[in-house]
Amino acid sequence: MALLIGLALQMVLRPDSRRVVSELHWPVVLLTSGIMVYVGVLERTGTLKAIAEHLGGIDNTLLAVLAVSYLAAVFATVESSTVAVLGVVVPLAAAVLPHADSARFTVLLIAVCATIGAVAISPLHLGGGLILANTEEADAPRVFRRLMAWSVGAALVLPPRLFSLYRWRRGSDATPASHRGT
């Protein structure tokens, strides 16, 4: 579909193709392509399936939730597509919590999605790559370091913080209504 839209735009707008190609930020194109190939290799070799099986084998549900959150954070830091990360992580979450009620599963998905969204600014991610592509060349190393620091920091800090949200939701089910919100 993207190729058809690109072809239609090419035919309608008729841009100078040499100028378009010369203005492409090739390091971002190569980085994104390389990461997509790497994730494809992980899927073909069964690495992602093996990870899902190991996570599903963790007996402690809360520890498994934390493991899924960290896996989502690490995967989102290096994967160029948030949709691809969600496509891998949501089935992992379902494998970890097969008998969870919808409220607990929703809280887990909120925690995982918030983590993925926060680290999507990684310079190895498409979002961070687009930021770098639009940064002045002199500022690019500084912006790269800041984006990387933010995404790694978020990947380390957010899962346990959001994990507490899951624990809070779990604990609130057992709390009498008169004590909720205090």
N, C-alpha and C. Protein backbone atom coordinates (compact mmCIF):
# COMPACT_ATOMS: atom_id res chain seq x y z
N MET A 1 0.83 -1.18 0.00
CA MET A 1 0.00 0.00 0.00
C MET A 1 0.88 1.26 0.00
N ALA A 2 1.94 1.23 0.80
CA ALA A 2 2.84 2.38 0.86
C ALA A 2 3.51 2.62 -0.49
N LEU A 3 3.87 1.53 -1.17
CA LEU A 3 4.48 1.68 -2.50
C LEU A 3 3.50 2.28 -3.50
N LEU A 4 2.23 1.86 -3.42
CA LEU A 4 1.22 2.42 -4.32
C LEU A 4 1.00 3.91 -4.05
N ILE A 5 0.94 4.27 -2.78
CA ILE A 5 0.78 5.69 -2.43
C ILE A 5 1.99 6.48 -2.89
N GLY A 6 3.18 5.93 -2.67
CA GLY A 6 4.40 6.59 -3.12
C GLY A 6 4.43 6.77 -4.63
N LEU A 7 4.00 5.74 -5.36
CA LEU A 7 3.95 5.82 -6.82
C LEU A 7 2.96 6.89 -7.26
N ALA A 8 1.78 6.93 -6.63
CA ALA A 8 0.78 7.94 -6.97
C ALA A 8 1.31 9.35 -6.70
N LEU A 9 1.96 9.55 -5.55
CA LEU A 9 2.53 10.86 -5.24
C LEU A 9 3.63 11.23 -6.24
N GLN A 10 4.43 10.26 -6.63
CA GLN A 10 5.50 10.49 -7.61
C GLN A 10 4.91 10.94 -8.94
N MET A 11 3.83 10.30 -9.35
CA MET A 11 3.22 10.64 -10.63
C MET A 11 2.51 12.00 -10.58
N VAL A 12 1.91 12.33 -9.46
CA VAL A 12 1.17 13.59 -9.35
C VAL A 12 2.10 14.77 -9.13
N LEU A 13 3.03 14.64 -8.18
CA LEU A 13 3.89 15.76 -7.80
C LEU A 13 5.14 15.90 -8.67
N ARG A 14 5.59 14.82 -9.24
CA ARG A 14 6.79 14.78 -10.08
C ARG A 14 7.99 15.52 -9.47
N PRO A 15 8.43 15.09 -8.30
CA PRO A 15 9.59 15.76 -7.70
C PRO A 15 10.89 15.36 -8.42
N ASP A 16 11.92 16.14 -8.23
CA ASP A 16 13.23 15.83 -8.80
C ASP A 16 13.81 14.66 -8.01
N SER A 17 13.87 13.50 -8.64
CA SER A 17 14.27 12.28 -7.91
C SER A 17 15.71 12.36 -7.42
N ARG A 18 16.59 13.02 -8.15
CA ARG A 18 17.98 13.16 -7.67
C ARG A 18 18.03 13.97 -6.39
N ARG A 19 17.25 15.02 -6.32
CA ARG A 19 17.22 15.84 -5.11
C ARG A 19 16.63 15.07 -3.92
N VAL A 20 15.57 14.32 -4.17
CA VAL A 20 14.93 13.54 -3.10
C VAL A 20 15.92 12.53 -2.54
N VAL A 21 16.60 11.80 -3.41
CA VAL A 21 17.56 10.78 -2.96
C VAL A 21 18.73 11.42 -2.24
N SER A 22 19.19 12.56 -2.72
CA SER A 22 20.34 13.22 -2.08
C SER A 22 19.98 13.78 -0.71
N GLU A 23 18.71 14.10 -0.47
CA GLU A 23 18.29 14.66 0.81
C GLU A 23 17.90 13.59 1.83
N LEU A 24 17.84 12.33 1.41
CA LEU A 24 17.53 11.26 2.37
C LEU A 24 18.64 11.17 3.42
N HIS A 25 18.25 10.91 4.64
CA HIS A 25 19.22 10.74 5.72
C HIS A 25 19.55 9.24 5.76
N TRP A 26 20.57 8.85 4.99
CA TRP A 26 20.89 7.44 4.79
C TRP A 26 21.27 6.69 6.05
N PRO A 27 21.95 7.28 7.01
CA PRO A 27 22.22 6.51 8.24
C PRO A 27 20.95 6.02 8.93
N VAL A 28 19.90 6.83 8.92
CA VAL A 28 18.63 6.42 9.53
C VAL A 28 17.99 5.30 8.71
N VAL A 29 18.05 5.39 7.40
CA VAL A 29 17.49 4.36 6.54
C VAL A 29 18.21 3.03 6.78
N LEU A 30 19.54 3.07 6.82
CA LEU A 30 20.32 1.85 7.04
C LEU A 30 20.09 1.28 8.44
N LEU A 31 20.02 2.15 9.45
CA LEU A 31 19.79 1.69 10.82
C LEU A 31 18.43 1.02 10.93
N THR A 32 17.40 1.66 10.40
CA THR A 32 16.06 1.10 10.47
C THR A 32 15.98 -0.23 9.72
N SER A 33 16.58 -0.29 8.55
CA SER A 33 16.58 -1.54 7.77
C SER A 33 17.31 -2.65 8.51
N GLY A 34 18.45 -2.33 9.10
CA GLY A 34 19.22 -3.32 9.85
C GLY A 34 18.46 -3.87 11.03
N ILE A 35 17.78 -2.99 11.75
CA ILE A 35 17.01 -3.44 12.92
C ILE A 35 15.84 -4.32 12.49
N MET A 36 15.20 -3.97 11.39
CA MET A 36 14.09 -4.79 10.90
C MET A 36 14.57 -6.17 10.48
N VAL A 37 15.74 -6.23 9.86
CA VAL A 37 16.32 -7.52 9.48
C VAL A 37 16.65 -8.33 10.73
N TYR A 38 17.22 -7.67 11.74
CA TYR A 38 17.58 -8.34 12.99
C TYR A 38 16.35 -8.93 13.67
N VAL A 39 15.28 -8.17 13.75
CA VAL A 39 14.06 -8.67 14.38
C VAL A 39 13.47 -9.82 13.55
N GLY A 40 13.56 -9.71 12.24
CA GLY A 40 13.10 -10.80 11.38
C GLY A 40 13.88 -12.08 11.63
N VAL A 41 15.18 -11.95 11.82
CA VAL A 41 16.02 -13.11 12.13
C VAL A 41 15.62 -13.71 13.48
N LEU A 42 15.37 -12.84 14.47
CA LEU A 42 14.93 -13.34 15.78
C LEU A 42 13.63 -14.12 15.67
N GLU A 43 12.71 -13.64 14.85
CA GLU A 43 11.44 -14.34 14.67
C GLU A 43 11.64 -15.66 13.94
N ARG A 44 12.44 -15.66 12.87
CA ARG A 44 12.66 -16.89 12.09
C ARG A 44 13.38 -17.97 12.86
N THR A 45 14.32 -17.59 13.71
CA THR A 45 15.07 -18.58 14.47
C THR A 45 14.32 -19.07 15.69
N GLY A 46 13.17 -18.47 15.98
CA GLY A 46 12.37 -18.92 17.11
C GLY A 46 12.79 -18.32 18.44
N THR A 47 13.66 -17.32 18.41
CA THR A 47 14.12 -16.72 19.66
C THR A 47 12.97 -16.07 20.42
N LEU A 48 12.12 -15.34 19.72
CA LEU A 48 11.01 -14.67 20.39
C LEU A 48 10.01 -15.68 20.97
N LYS A 49 9.80 -16.77 20.25
CA LYS A 49 8.90 -17.82 20.76
C LYS A 49 9.50 -18.47 22.01
N ALA A 50 10.81 -18.69 22.00
CA ALA A 50 11.47 -19.28 23.17
C ALA A 50 11.37 -18.35 24.38
N ILE A 51 11.51 -17.05 24.14
CA ILE A 51 11.38 -16.08 25.24
C ILE A 51 9.97 -16.14 25.81
N ALA A 52 8.97 -16.21 24.93
CA ALA A 52 7.58 -16.29 25.40
C ALA A 52 7.35 -17.55 26.22
N GLU A 53 7.92 -18.66 25.82
CA GLU A 53 7.76 -19.89 26.57
C GLU A 53 8.41 -19.80 27.94
N HIS A 54 9.60 -19.18 28.00
CA HIS A 54 10.28 -19.03 29.30
C HIS A 54 9.52 -18.08 30.21
N LEU A 55 9.00 -17.00 29.67
CA LEU A 55 8.23 -16.07 30.49
C LEU A 55 6.94 -16.71 30.98
N GLY A 56 6.32 -17.52 30.14
CA GLY A 56 5.11 -18.22 30.55
C GLY A 56 5.37 -19.24 31.64
N GLY A 57 6.62 -19.66 31.79
CA GLY A 57 6.97 -20.65 32.80
C GLY A 57 7.32 -20.05 34.16
N ILE A 58 7.33 -18.73 34.28
CA ILE A 58 7.62 -18.10 35.58
C ILE A 58 6.41 -18.29 36.48
N ASP A 59 6.63 -18.88 37.65
CA ASP A 59 5.53 -19.19 38.56
C ASP A 59 4.96 -17.94 39.24
N ASN A 60 5.82 -16.99 39.60
CA ASN A 60 5.38 -15.79 40.29
C ASN A 60 4.83 -14.80 39.25
N THR A 61 3.52 -14.55 39.31
CA THR A 61 2.86 -13.71 38.32
C THR A 61 3.44 -12.30 38.31
N LEU A 62 3.66 -11.73 39.49
CA LEU A 62 4.17 -10.36 39.55
C LEU A 62 5.57 -10.26 38.95
N LEU A 63 6.39 -11.27 39.19
CA LEU A 63 7.73 -11.29 38.61
C LEU A 63 7.64 -11.44 37.09
N ALA A 64 6.69 -12.23 36.62
CA ALA A 64 6.50 -12.40 35.18
C ALA A 64 6.05 -11.09 34.53
N VAL A 65 5.17 -10.35 35.21
CA VAL A 65 4.72 -9.06 34.70
C VAL A 65 5.89 -8.09 34.60
N LEU A 66 6.73 -8.07 35.61
CA LEU A 66 7.92 -7.20 35.58
C LEU A 66 8.85 -7.62 34.45
N ALA A 67 9.01 -8.91 34.24
CA ALA A 67 9.87 -9.40 33.15
C ALA A 67 9.31 -8.98 31.79
N VAL A 68 8.00 -9.07 31.61
CA VAL A 68 7.39 -8.64 30.34
C VAL A 68 7.61 -7.15 30.13
N SER A 69 7.47 -6.36 31.20
CA SER A 69 7.66 -4.91 31.08
C SER A 69 9.10 -4.58 30.69
N TYR A 70 10.07 -5.25 31.32
CA TYR A 70 11.46 -5.00 30.95
C TYR A 70 11.75 -5.46 29.53
N LEU A 71 11.21 -6.59 29.15
CA LEU A 71 11.41 -7.07 27.79
C LEU A 71 10.82 -6.09 26.78
N ALA A 72 9.65 -5.58 27.07
CA ALA A 72 9.02 -4.59 26.19
C ALA A 72 9.88 -3.33 26.09
N ALA A 73 10.43 -2.89 27.22
CA ALA A 73 11.26 -1.69 27.22
C ALA A 73 12.53 -1.89 26.40
N VAL A 74 13.19 -3.02 26.59
CA VAL A 74 14.43 -3.29 25.85
C VAL A 74 14.13 -3.46 24.36
N PHE A 75 13.09 -4.20 24.05
CA PHE A 75 12.73 -4.44 22.66
C PHE A 75 12.34 -3.14 21.97
N ALA A 76 11.57 -2.29 22.64
CA ALA A 76 11.14 -1.02 22.05
C ALA A 76 12.30 -0.05 21.87
N THR A 77 13.36 -0.21 22.67
CA THR A 77 14.51 0.68 22.53
C THR A 77 15.25 0.41 21.23
N VAL A 78 15.28 -0.83 20.77
CA VAL A 78 16.04 -1.16 19.56
C VAL A 78 15.17 -1.47 18.35
N GLU A 79 13.90 -1.66 18.50
CA GLU A 79 13.03 -1.96 17.37
C GLU A 79 12.50 -0.66 16.78
N SER A 80 12.43 -0.60 15.48
CA SER A 80 12.05 0.64 14.82
C SER A 80 10.54 0.86 14.73
N SER A 81 9.75 -0.13 15.05
CA SER A 81 8.30 -0.01 14.91
C SER A 81 7.60 -0.35 16.22
N THR A 82 6.87 0.60 16.76
CA THR A 82 6.11 0.37 17.98
C THR A 82 5.04 -0.69 17.74
N VAL A 83 4.47 -0.71 16.56
CA VAL A 83 3.45 -1.71 16.23
C VAL A 83 4.04 -3.11 16.27
N ALA A 84 5.27 -3.27 15.76
CA ALA A 84 5.93 -4.58 15.80
C ALA A 84 6.20 -5.00 17.24
N VAL A 85 6.60 -4.06 18.08
CA VAL A 85 6.85 -4.38 19.48
C VAL A 85 5.56 -4.82 20.16
N LEU A 86 4.49 -4.10 19.93
CA LEU A 86 3.20 -4.49 20.51
C LEU A 86 2.76 -5.85 19.99
N GLY A 87 3.03 -6.11 18.72
CA GLY A 87 2.67 -7.41 18.14
C GLY A 87 3.40 -8.57 18.77
N VAL A 88 4.57 -8.31 19.32
CA VAL A 88 5.34 -9.35 20.00
C VAL A 88 4.99 -9.40 21.48
N VAL A 89 4.85 -8.22 22.12
CA VAL A 89 4.72 -8.16 23.57
C VAL A 89 3.31 -8.53 24.06
N VAL A 90 2.28 -8.15 23.34
CA VAL A 90 0.92 -8.46 23.80
C VAL A 90 0.69 -9.97 23.89
N PRO A 91 1.10 -10.78 22.90
CA PRO A 91 0.97 -12.23 23.08
C PRO A 91 1.82 -12.75 24.25
N LEU A 92 2.99 -12.13 24.48
CA LEU A 92 3.79 -12.53 25.64
C LEU A 92 3.03 -12.25 26.93
N ALA A 93 2.40 -11.09 26.99
CA ALA A 93 1.63 -10.74 28.18
C ALA A 93 0.47 -11.71 28.38
N ALA A 94 -0.18 -12.09 27.30
CA ALA A 94 -1.27 -13.06 27.40
C ALA A 94 -0.77 -14.42 27.87
N ALA A 95 0.45 -14.79 27.46
CA ALA A 95 1.02 -16.07 27.90
C ALA A 95 1.39 -16.03 29.37
N VAL A 96 1.81 -14.85 29.84
CA VAL A 96 2.21 -14.72 31.25
C VAL A 96 1.01 -14.72 32.17
N LEU A 97 -0.08 -14.10 31.74
CA LEU A 97 -1.28 -14.00 32.57
C LEU A 97 -2.48 -14.68 31.90
N PRO A 98 -2.42 -16.00 31.71
CA PRO A 98 -3.50 -16.66 30.97
C PRO A 98 -4.84 -16.64 31.69
N HIS A 99 -4.82 -16.56 33.02
CA HIS A 99 -6.07 -16.63 33.78
C HIS A 99 -6.41 -15.32 34.47
N ALA A 100 -5.78 -14.23 34.05
CA ALA A 100 -6.02 -12.94 34.69
C ALA A 100 -7.37 -12.39 34.25
N ASP A 101 -8.01 -11.65 35.18
CA ASP A 101 -9.25 -10.99 34.80
C ASP A 101 -8.93 -9.81 33.89
N SER A 102 -9.95 -9.27 33.27
CA SER A 102 -9.72 -8.22 32.28
C SER A 102 -9.13 -6.96 32.90
N ALA A 103 -9.46 -6.65 34.13
CA ALA A 103 -8.91 -5.45 34.77
C ALA A 103 -7.40 -5.58 34.99
N ARG A 104 -6.95 -6.73 35.46
CA ARG A 104 -5.52 -6.93 35.67
C ARG A 104 -4.76 -6.94 34.34
N PHE A 105 -5.34 -7.60 33.36
CA PHE A 105 -4.68 -7.65 32.05
C PHE A 105 -4.62 -6.25 31.44
N THR A 106 -5.67 -5.45 31.61
CA THR A 106 -5.66 -4.08 31.11
C THR A 106 -4.59 -3.25 31.79
N VAL A 107 -4.44 -3.40 33.10
CA VAL A 107 -3.40 -2.66 33.82
C VAL A 107 -2.02 -3.08 33.31
N LEU A 108 -1.81 -4.38 33.08
CA LEU A 108 -0.54 -4.84 32.54
C LEU A 108 -0.28 -4.22 31.16
N LEU A 109 -1.29 -4.20 30.31
CA LEU A 109 -1.12 -3.62 28.98
C LEU A 109 -0.85 -2.13 29.05
N ILE A 110 -1.48 -1.43 29.97
CA ILE A 110 -1.21 0.00 30.14
C ILE A 110 0.24 0.21 30.55
N ALA A 111 0.72 -0.60 31.49
CA ALA A 111 2.11 -0.48 31.93
C ALA A 111 3.08 -0.76 30.79
N VAL A 112 2.81 -1.79 30.03
CA VAL A 112 3.69 -2.16 28.92
C VAL A 112 3.65 -1.09 27.83
N CYS A 113 2.47 -0.62 27.47
CA CYS A 113 2.35 0.40 26.42
C CYS A 113 2.97 1.73 26.84
N ALA A 114 2.83 2.08 28.10
CA ALA A 114 3.46 3.32 28.58
C ALA A 114 4.98 3.21 28.50
N THR A 115 5.51 2.07 28.85
CA THR A 115 6.95 1.85 28.75
C THR A 115 7.41 1.93 27.30
N ILE A 116 6.69 1.26 26.42
CA ILE A 116 7.04 1.27 25.00
C ILE A 116 6.99 2.69 24.45
N GLY A 117 5.96 3.44 24.81
CA GLY A 117 5.84 4.81 24.33
C GLY A 117 6.95 5.72 24.84
N ALA A 118 7.37 5.50 26.07
CA ALA A 118 8.41 6.36 26.64
C ALA A 118 9.78 6.10 26.03
N VAL A 119 10.06 4.88 25.64
CA VAL A 119 11.38 4.59 25.07
C VAL A 119 11.39 4.70 23.56
N ALA A 120 10.27 5.02 22.94
CA ALA A 120 10.19 5.13 21.49
C ALA A 120 10.99 6.32 20.94
N ILE A 121 11.52 7.13 21.81
CA ILE A 121 12.33 8.26 21.39
C ILE A 121 13.80 7.87 21.23
N SER A 122 14.10 6.61 21.44
CA SER A 122 15.46 6.10 21.29
C SER A 122 15.98 6.43 19.89
N PRO A 123 17.26 6.80 19.78
CA PRO A 123 17.79 7.07 18.45
C PRO A 123 17.85 5.82 17.58
N LEU A 124 17.69 4.64 18.18
CA LEU A 124 17.66 3.39 17.42
C LEU A 124 16.24 3.07 16.95
N HIS A 125 15.28 3.80 17.47
CA HIS A 125 13.87 3.64 17.11
C HIS A 125 13.56 4.60 15.97
N LEU A 126 12.51 4.33 15.24
CA LEU A 126 12.15 5.19 14.12
C LEU A 126 11.88 6.62 14.57
N GLY A 127 11.21 6.80 15.72
CA GLY A 127 10.91 8.14 16.22
C GLY A 127 12.17 8.94 16.50
N GLY A 128 13.11 8.34 17.21
CA GLY A 128 14.38 9.01 17.49
C GLY A 128 15.20 9.22 16.23
N GLY A 129 15.12 8.27 15.31
CA GLY A 129 15.82 8.42 14.05
C GLY A 129 15.31 9.61 13.25
N LEU A 130 14.00 9.83 13.28
CA LEU A 130 13.44 10.98 12.58
C LEU A 130 13.88 12.29 13.25
N ILE A 131 13.97 12.28 14.57
CA ILE A 131 14.47 13.47 15.27
C ILE A 131 15.91 13.74 14.85
N LEU A 132 16.73 12.69 14.84
CA LEU A 132 18.13 12.86 14.42
C LEU A 132 18.24 13.32 12.97
N ALA A 133 17.38 12.81 12.12
CA ALA A 133 17.44 13.19 10.71
C ALA A 133 17.14 14.67 10.51
N ASN A 134 16.39 15.27 11.43
CA ASN A 134 16.04 16.68 11.31
C ASN A 134 16.86 17.57 12.24
N THR A 135 17.95 17.04 12.77
CA THR A 135 18.83 17.80 13.65
C THR A 135 20.01 18.31 12.84
N GLU A 136 20.46 19.51 13.18
CA GLU A 136 21.66 20.04 12.53
C GLU A 136 22.82 19.08 12.76
N GLU A 137 23.67 18.92 11.77
CA GLU A 137 24.76 17.96 11.85
C GLU A 137 25.68 18.20 13.04
N ALA A 138 25.91 19.46 13.37
CA ALA A 138 26.79 19.78 14.51
C ALA A 138 26.18 19.36 15.84
N ASP A 139 24.84 19.36 15.93
CA ASP A 139 24.16 19.00 17.17
C ASP A 139 23.82 17.53 17.26
N ALA A 140 24.00 16.77 16.19
CA ALA A 140 23.58 15.38 16.14
C ALA A 140 24.20 14.50 17.23
N PRO A 141 25.52 14.58 17.51
CA PRO A 141 26.06 13.73 18.58
C PRO A 141 25.45 14.02 19.96
N ARG A 142 25.23 15.29 20.25
CA ARG A 142 24.64 15.67 21.54
C ARG A 142 23.19 15.18 21.62
N VAL A 143 22.43 15.36 20.56
CA VAL A 143 21.04 14.92 20.53
C VAL A 143 20.98 13.39 20.62
N PHE A 144 21.88 12.70 19.92
CA PHE A 144 21.93 11.24 20.00
C PHE A 144 22.14 10.78 21.45
N ARG A 145 23.11 11.38 22.12
CA ARG A 145 23.40 10.99 23.52
C ARG A 145 22.20 11.26 24.42
N ARG A 146 21.55 12.40 24.25
CA ARG A 146 20.38 12.72 25.09
C ARG A 146 19.21 11.78 24.84
N LEU A 147 18.95 11.50 23.58
CA LEU A 147 17.87 10.57 23.26
C LEU A 147 18.17 9.18 23.81
N MET A 148 19.41 8.75 23.68
CA MET A 148 19.79 7.43 24.18
C MET A 148 19.70 7.39 25.71
N ALA A 149 20.16 8.45 26.36
CA ALA A 149 20.07 8.52 27.83
C ALA A 149 18.62 8.48 28.28
N TRP A 150 17.75 9.22 27.61
CA TRP A 150 16.34 9.22 27.97
C TRP A 150 15.74 7.82 27.81
N SER A 151 15.97 7.19 26.67
CA SER A 151 15.34 5.90 26.41
C SER A 151 15.88 4.81 27.33
N VAL A 152 17.18 4.79 27.56
CA VAL A 152 17.75 3.79 28.47
C VAL A 152 17.27 4.05 29.90
N GLY A 153 17.25 5.31 30.30
CA GLY A 153 16.75 5.64 31.64
C GLY A 153 15.30 5.24 31.81
N ALA A 154 14.48 5.53 30.80
CA ALA A 154 13.06 5.14 30.87
C ALA A 154 12.92 3.63 30.89
N ALA A 155 13.75 2.93 30.12
CA ALA A 155 13.68 1.47 30.09
C ALA A 155 14.05 0.86 31.44
N LEU A 156 14.94 1.51 32.17
CA LEU A 156 15.34 1.00 33.48
C LEU A 156 14.37 1.39 34.59
N VAL A 157 13.81 2.60 34.52
CA VAL A 157 13.02 3.14 35.62
C VAL A 157 11.53 2.83 35.49
N LEU A 158 10.98 2.90 34.29
CA LEU A 158 9.53 2.78 34.14
C LEU A 158 8.95 1.41 34.48
N PRO A 159 9.55 0.30 34.06
CA PRO A 159 8.91 -0.98 34.39
C PRO A 159 8.64 -1.18 35.89
N PRO A 160 9.61 -0.93 36.79
CA PRO A 160 9.24 -1.11 38.20
C PRO A 160 8.23 -0.08 38.69
N ARG A 161 8.27 1.14 38.15
CA ARG A 161 7.29 2.15 38.56
C ARG A 161 5.89 1.73 38.11
N LEU A 162 5.77 1.27 36.88
CA LEU A 162 4.47 0.85 36.38
C LEU A 162 4.07 -0.50 36.96
N PHE A 163 5.05 -1.28 37.35
CA PHE A 163 4.81 -2.55 38.04
C PHE A 163 4.05 -2.28 39.34
N SER A 164 4.40 -1.18 40.00
CA SER A 164 3.69 -0.83 41.24
C SER A 164 2.23 -0.52 40.95
N LEU A 165 1.92 -0.01 39.75
CA LEU A 165 0.54 0.21 39.36
C LEU A 165 -0.21 -1.12 39.29
N TYR A 166 0.45 -2.12 38.73
CA TYR A 166 -0.17 -3.45 38.67
C TYR A 166 -0.39 -4.00 40.08
N ARG A 167 0.62 -3.84 40.93
CA ARG A 167 0.50 -4.32 42.31
C ARG A 167 -0.59 -3.57 43.04
N TRP A 168 -0.69 -2.23 42.79
CA TRP A 168 -1.73 -1.44 43.42
C TRP A 168 -3.10 -1.94 43.00
N ARG A 169 -3.28 -2.20 41.71
CA ARG A 169 -4.56 -2.68 41.20
C ARG A 169 -4.89 -4.04 41.81
N ARG A 170 -3.88 -4.87 41.92
CA ARG A 170 -4.06 -6.19 42.51
C ARG A 170 -4.44 -6.07 43.97
N GLY A 171 -3.76 -5.17 44.69
CA GLY A 171 -4.05 -4.98 46.11
C GLY A 171 -5.37 -4.29 46.36
N SER A 172 -5.83 -3.45 45.42
CA SER A 172 -7.07 -2.73 45.63
C SER A 172 -8.28 -3.65 45.56
N ASP A 173 -8.14 -4.80 44.90
CA ASP A 173 -9.26 -5.75 44.85
C ASP A 173 -9.57 -6.32 46.22
N ALA A 174 -8.54 -6.42 47.07
CA ALA A 174 -8.74 -7.00 48.39
C ALA A 174 -9.02 -5.95 49.45
N THR A 175 -8.93 -4.67 49.08
CA THR A 175 -9.12 -3.60 50.05
C THR A 175 -10.59 -3.27 50.17
N PRO A 176 -11.10 -3.14 51.39
CA PRO A 176 -12.51 -2.76 51.55
C PRO A 176 -12.78 -1.40 50.90
N ALA A 177 -14.01 -1.22 50.44
CA ALA A 177 -14.38 0.02 49.73
C ALA A 177 -14.16 1.25 50.59
N SER A 178 -14.32 1.15 51.91
CA SER A 178 -14.16 2.32 52.78
C SER A 178 -12.71 2.78 52.87
N HIS A 179 -11.73 1.91 52.51
CA HIS A 179 -10.31 2.28 52.61
C HIS A 179 -9.70 2.63 51.28
N ARG A 180 -10.44 2.49 50.20
CA ARG A 180 -9.89 2.80 48.88
C ARG A 180 -9.72 4.30 48.74
N GLY A 181 -8.63 4.69 48.06
CA GLY A 181 -8.38 6.10 47.81
C GLY A 181 -7.68 6.79 48.97
N THR A 182 -7.33 6.06 50.05
CA THR A 182 -6.63 6.69 51.16
C THR A 182 -5.18 6.35 51.10
